[in-house]
Amino acid sequence: MSRTTFVIRDGQLVEKSKALHSVGPFFMRDIETYASPITGKPITSRSHRREEMRRHNVVDPRDLKGELLANGKRHRG
């Protein structure tokens, strides 16, 4: 049995699946500066974060959601 989820958009109750459709561009603000858990140096942007992760050959575990792990199970993220 599936459930329908509703959200409020512009004061109206609408199905969530219908409320997610965008008619314009989507803008995402940049991240707040934080210290790298690997080097301790400041990470100041998303591109800087990607470069730091690439340089040290690491991945964000949230990017593994649904991936098949070595034990045969799926990562639940």
N, C-alpha and C. Protein backbone atom coordinates (compact mmCIF):
# COMPACT_ATOMS: atom_id res chain seq x y z
N MET A 1 0.84 -1.16 0.00
CA MET A 1 0.00 0.00 0.00
C MET A 1 0.90 1.24 0.00
N SER A 2 0.74 2.09 -0.98
CA SER A 2 1.58 3.30 -1.03
C SER A 2 0.82 4.47 -0.44
N ARG A 3 1.56 5.38 0.16
CA ARG A 3 0.97 6.56 0.76
C ARG A 3 1.31 7.77 -0.08
N THR A 4 0.39 8.69 -0.15
CA THR A 4 0.64 9.94 -0.84
C THR A 4 1.09 10.96 0.19
N THR A 5 2.19 11.65 -0.11
CA THR A 5 2.71 12.67 0.77
C THR A 5 2.32 14.03 0.23
N PHE A 6 1.88 14.89 1.12
CA PHE A 6 1.47 16.23 0.73
C PHE A 6 2.39 17.26 1.36
N VAL A 7 2.57 18.39 0.68
CA VAL A 7 3.36 19.51 1.18
C VAL A 7 2.58 20.79 0.92
N ILE A 8 2.98 21.85 1.61
CA ILE A 8 2.32 23.14 1.40
C ILE A 8 3.20 23.98 0.48
N ARG A 9 2.63 24.43 -0.63
CA ARG A 9 3.32 25.29 -1.59
C ARG A 9 2.42 26.48 -1.87
N ASP A 10 2.92 27.67 -1.63
CA ASP A 10 2.14 28.90 -1.85
C ASP A 10 0.79 28.86 -1.14
N GLY A 11 0.79 28.30 0.09
CA GLY A 11 -0.42 28.27 0.89
C GLY A 11 -1.40 27.17 0.51
N GLN A 12 -1.03 26.34 -0.46
CA GLN A 12 -1.92 25.27 -0.92
C GLN A 12 -1.32 23.91 -0.57
N LEU A 13 -2.16 22.95 -0.25
CA LEU A 13 -1.74 21.58 0.01
C LEU A 13 -1.69 20.84 -1.33
N VAL A 14 -0.51 20.37 -1.71
CA VAL A 14 -0.36 19.67 -2.99
C VAL A 14 0.45 18.39 -2.80
N GLU A 15 0.28 17.44 -3.72
CA GLU A 15 1.07 16.22 -3.66
C GLU A 15 2.54 16.56 -3.84
N LYS A 16 3.39 15.94 -3.03
CA LYS A 16 4.82 16.24 -3.07
C LYS A 16 5.41 15.98 -4.45
N SER A 17 4.99 14.91 -5.09
CA SER A 17 5.54 14.57 -6.41
C SER A 17 5.25 15.66 -7.44
N LYS A 18 4.13 16.36 -7.28
CA LYS A 18 3.78 17.43 -8.21
C LYS A 18 4.40 18.75 -7.81
N ALA A 19 4.75 18.90 -6.53
CA ALA A 19 5.30 20.15 -6.04
C ALA A 19 6.79 20.30 -6.37
N LEU A 20 7.44 19.24 -6.77
CA LEU A 20 8.88 19.28 -6.99
C LEU A 20 9.26 19.80 -8.37
N HIS A 21 8.33 19.93 -9.26
CA HIS A 21 8.64 20.37 -10.61
C HIS A 21 8.92 21.86 -10.63
N SER A 22 10.06 22.23 -11.15
CA SER A 22 10.47 23.63 -11.18
C SER A 22 10.26 24.20 -12.58
N VAL A 23 9.88 25.45 -12.65
CA VAL A 23 9.68 26.09 -13.94
C VAL A 23 10.83 27.04 -14.28
N GLY A 24 11.75 27.22 -13.37
CA GLY A 24 12.85 28.15 -13.61
C GLY A 24 14.17 27.55 -13.21
N PRO A 25 15.22 28.33 -13.28
CA PRO A 25 16.54 27.83 -12.90
C PRO A 25 16.63 27.58 -11.39
N PHE A 26 17.50 26.69 -11.01
CA PHE A 26 17.71 26.35 -9.61
C PHE A 26 19.09 26.86 -9.21
N PHE A 27 19.15 27.62 -8.14
CA PHE A 27 20.42 28.16 -7.66
C PHE A 27 20.70 27.58 -6.28
N MET A 28 21.93 27.13 -6.10
CA MET A 28 22.34 26.58 -4.82
C MET A 28 23.50 27.43 -4.31
N ARG A 29 23.36 27.94 -3.09
CA ARG A 29 24.44 28.75 -2.56
C ARG A 29 25.64 27.88 -2.24
N ASP A 30 26.79 28.49 -2.17
CA ASP A 30 28.01 27.74 -1.90
C ASP A 30 28.05 27.33 -0.43
N ILE A 31 28.96 26.44 -0.11
CA ILE A 31 29.08 25.92 1.25
C ILE A 31 29.79 26.92 2.15
N GLU A 32 29.57 26.77 3.44
CA GLU A 32 30.30 27.56 4.43
C GLU A 32 31.71 26.99 4.55
N THR A 33 32.68 27.84 4.80
CA THR A 33 34.06 27.38 4.97
C THR A 33 34.15 26.47 6.19
N TYR A 34 34.89 25.36 6.02
CA TYR A 34 35.11 24.43 7.14
C TYR A 34 36.51 23.84 7.01
N ALA A 35 37.01 23.26 8.10
CA ALA A 35 38.33 22.65 8.09
C ALA A 35 38.23 21.24 7.51
N SER A 36 39.14 20.92 6.59
CA SER A 36 39.17 19.59 6.00
C SER A 36 39.48 18.55 7.09
N PRO A 37 38.70 17.47 7.17
CA PRO A 37 39.00 16.44 8.14
C PRO A 37 40.28 15.66 7.78
N ILE A 38 40.75 15.83 6.56
CA ILE A 38 41.95 15.12 6.11
C ILE A 38 43.21 15.93 6.41
N THR A 39 43.21 17.19 6.00
CA THR A 39 44.41 18.02 6.13
C THR A 39 44.31 19.11 7.19
N GLY A 40 43.09 19.45 7.59
CA GLY A 40 42.90 20.53 8.54
C GLY A 40 42.87 21.91 7.89
N LYS A 41 43.14 21.97 6.58
CA LYS A 41 43.13 23.24 5.86
C LYS A 41 41.70 23.65 5.54
N PRO A 42 41.44 24.95 5.38
CA PRO A 42 40.07 25.39 5.10
C PRO A 42 39.58 24.97 3.72
N ILE A 43 38.35 24.50 3.66
CA ILE A 43 37.65 24.21 2.41
C ILE A 43 36.68 25.36 2.21
N THR A 44 36.80 26.07 1.10
CA THR A 44 36.05 27.31 0.93
C THR A 44 34.95 27.26 -0.13
N SER A 45 34.89 26.18 -0.93
CA SER A 45 33.87 26.10 -1.97
C SER A 45 33.62 24.64 -2.32
N ARG A 46 32.54 24.39 -3.06
CA ARG A 46 32.25 23.02 -3.50
C ARG A 46 33.35 22.48 -4.42
N SER A 47 33.84 23.33 -5.30
CA SER A 47 34.91 22.87 -6.21
C SER A 47 36.18 22.55 -5.42
N HIS A 48 36.47 23.34 -4.41
CA HIS A 48 37.62 23.08 -3.56
C HIS A 48 37.45 21.75 -2.83
N ARG A 49 36.23 21.48 -2.35
CA ARG A 49 35.93 20.22 -1.68
C ARG A 49 36.11 19.03 -2.62
N ARG A 50 35.59 19.16 -3.86
CA ARG A 50 35.75 18.08 -4.84
C ARG A 50 37.23 17.81 -5.12
N GLU A 51 38.01 18.88 -5.29
CA GLU A 51 39.44 18.73 -5.56
C GLU A 51 40.15 18.07 -4.39
N GLU A 52 39.84 18.48 -3.18
CA GLU A 52 40.44 17.88 -1.97
C GLU A 52 40.12 16.38 -1.90
N MET A 53 38.87 16.02 -2.17
CA MET A 53 38.48 14.62 -2.14
C MET A 53 39.16 13.82 -3.24
N ARG A 54 39.26 14.41 -4.43
CA ARG A 54 39.92 13.74 -5.55
C ARG A 54 41.41 13.55 -5.25
N ARG A 55 42.04 14.58 -4.72
CA ARG A 55 43.47 14.53 -4.41
C ARG A 55 43.81 13.43 -3.41
N HIS A 56 42.92 13.19 -2.46
CA HIS A 56 43.18 12.21 -1.41
C HIS A 56 42.43 10.89 -1.63
N ASN A 57 41.80 10.77 -2.80
CA ASN A 57 41.12 9.53 -3.20
C ASN A 57 40.09 9.07 -2.16
N VAL A 58 39.21 10.00 -1.77
CA VAL A 58 38.14 9.68 -0.82
C VAL A 58 36.79 10.05 -1.44
N VAL A 59 35.73 9.45 -0.91
CA VAL A 59 34.38 9.76 -1.37
C VAL A 59 33.51 10.09 -0.18
N ASP A 60 32.47 10.85 -0.41
CA ASP A 60 31.48 11.15 0.60
C ASP A 60 30.56 9.93 0.70
N PRO A 61 30.35 9.37 1.89
CA PRO A 61 29.51 8.18 1.99
C PRO A 61 28.09 8.40 1.50
N ARG A 62 27.62 9.66 1.50
CA ARG A 62 26.28 9.95 0.98
C ARG A 62 26.20 9.69 -0.52
N ASP A 63 27.35 9.72 -1.21
CA ASP A 63 27.37 9.46 -2.64
C ASP A 63 27.31 7.96 -2.95
N LEU A 64 27.39 7.12 -1.93
CA LEU A 64 27.38 5.67 -2.13
C LEU A 64 26.00 5.05 -1.98
N LYS A 65 25.00 5.85 -1.66
CA LYS A 65 23.67 5.30 -1.41
C LYS A 65 23.22 4.43 -2.59
N GLY A 66 22.88 3.20 -2.28
CA GLY A 66 22.41 2.27 -3.30
C GLY A 66 23.52 1.48 -3.97
N GLU A 67 24.78 1.84 -3.73
CA GLU A 67 25.90 1.12 -4.35
C GLU A 67 26.04 -0.27 -3.73
N LEU A 68 26.47 -1.23 -4.52
CA LEU A 68 26.70 -2.57 -4.04
C LEU A 68 28.04 -2.62 -3.32
N LEU A 69 28.05 -3.10 -2.08
CA LEU A 69 29.26 -3.18 -1.28
C LEU A 69 29.93 -4.53 -1.45
N ALA A 70 31.15 -4.66 -0.95
CA ALA A 70 31.90 -5.89 -1.09
C ALA A 70 31.20 -7.08 -0.43
N ASN A 71 30.40 -6.83 0.60
CA ASN A 71 29.70 -7.92 1.29
C ASN A 71 28.39 -8.31 0.60
N GLY A 72 28.11 -7.71 -0.55
CA GLY A 72 26.92 -8.04 -1.31
C GLY A 72 25.68 -7.26 -0.95
N LYS A 73 25.80 -6.41 0.09
CA LYS A 73 24.65 -5.60 0.50
C LYS A 73 24.73 -4.23 -0.16
N ARG A 74 23.62 -3.53 -0.16
CA ARG A 74 23.56 -2.19 -0.72
C ARG A 74 23.81 -1.16 0.37
N HIS A 75 24.59 -0.13 0.05
CA HIS A 75 24.85 0.94 1.01
C HIS A 75 23.56 1.72 1.22
N ARG A 76 23.20 1.95 2.47
CA ARG A 76 21.93 2.60 2.79
C ARG A 76 22.06 4.12 2.93
N GLY A 77 23.28 4.62 2.91
CA GLY A 77 23.53 6.05 2.94
C GLY A 77 22.82 6.74 4.01
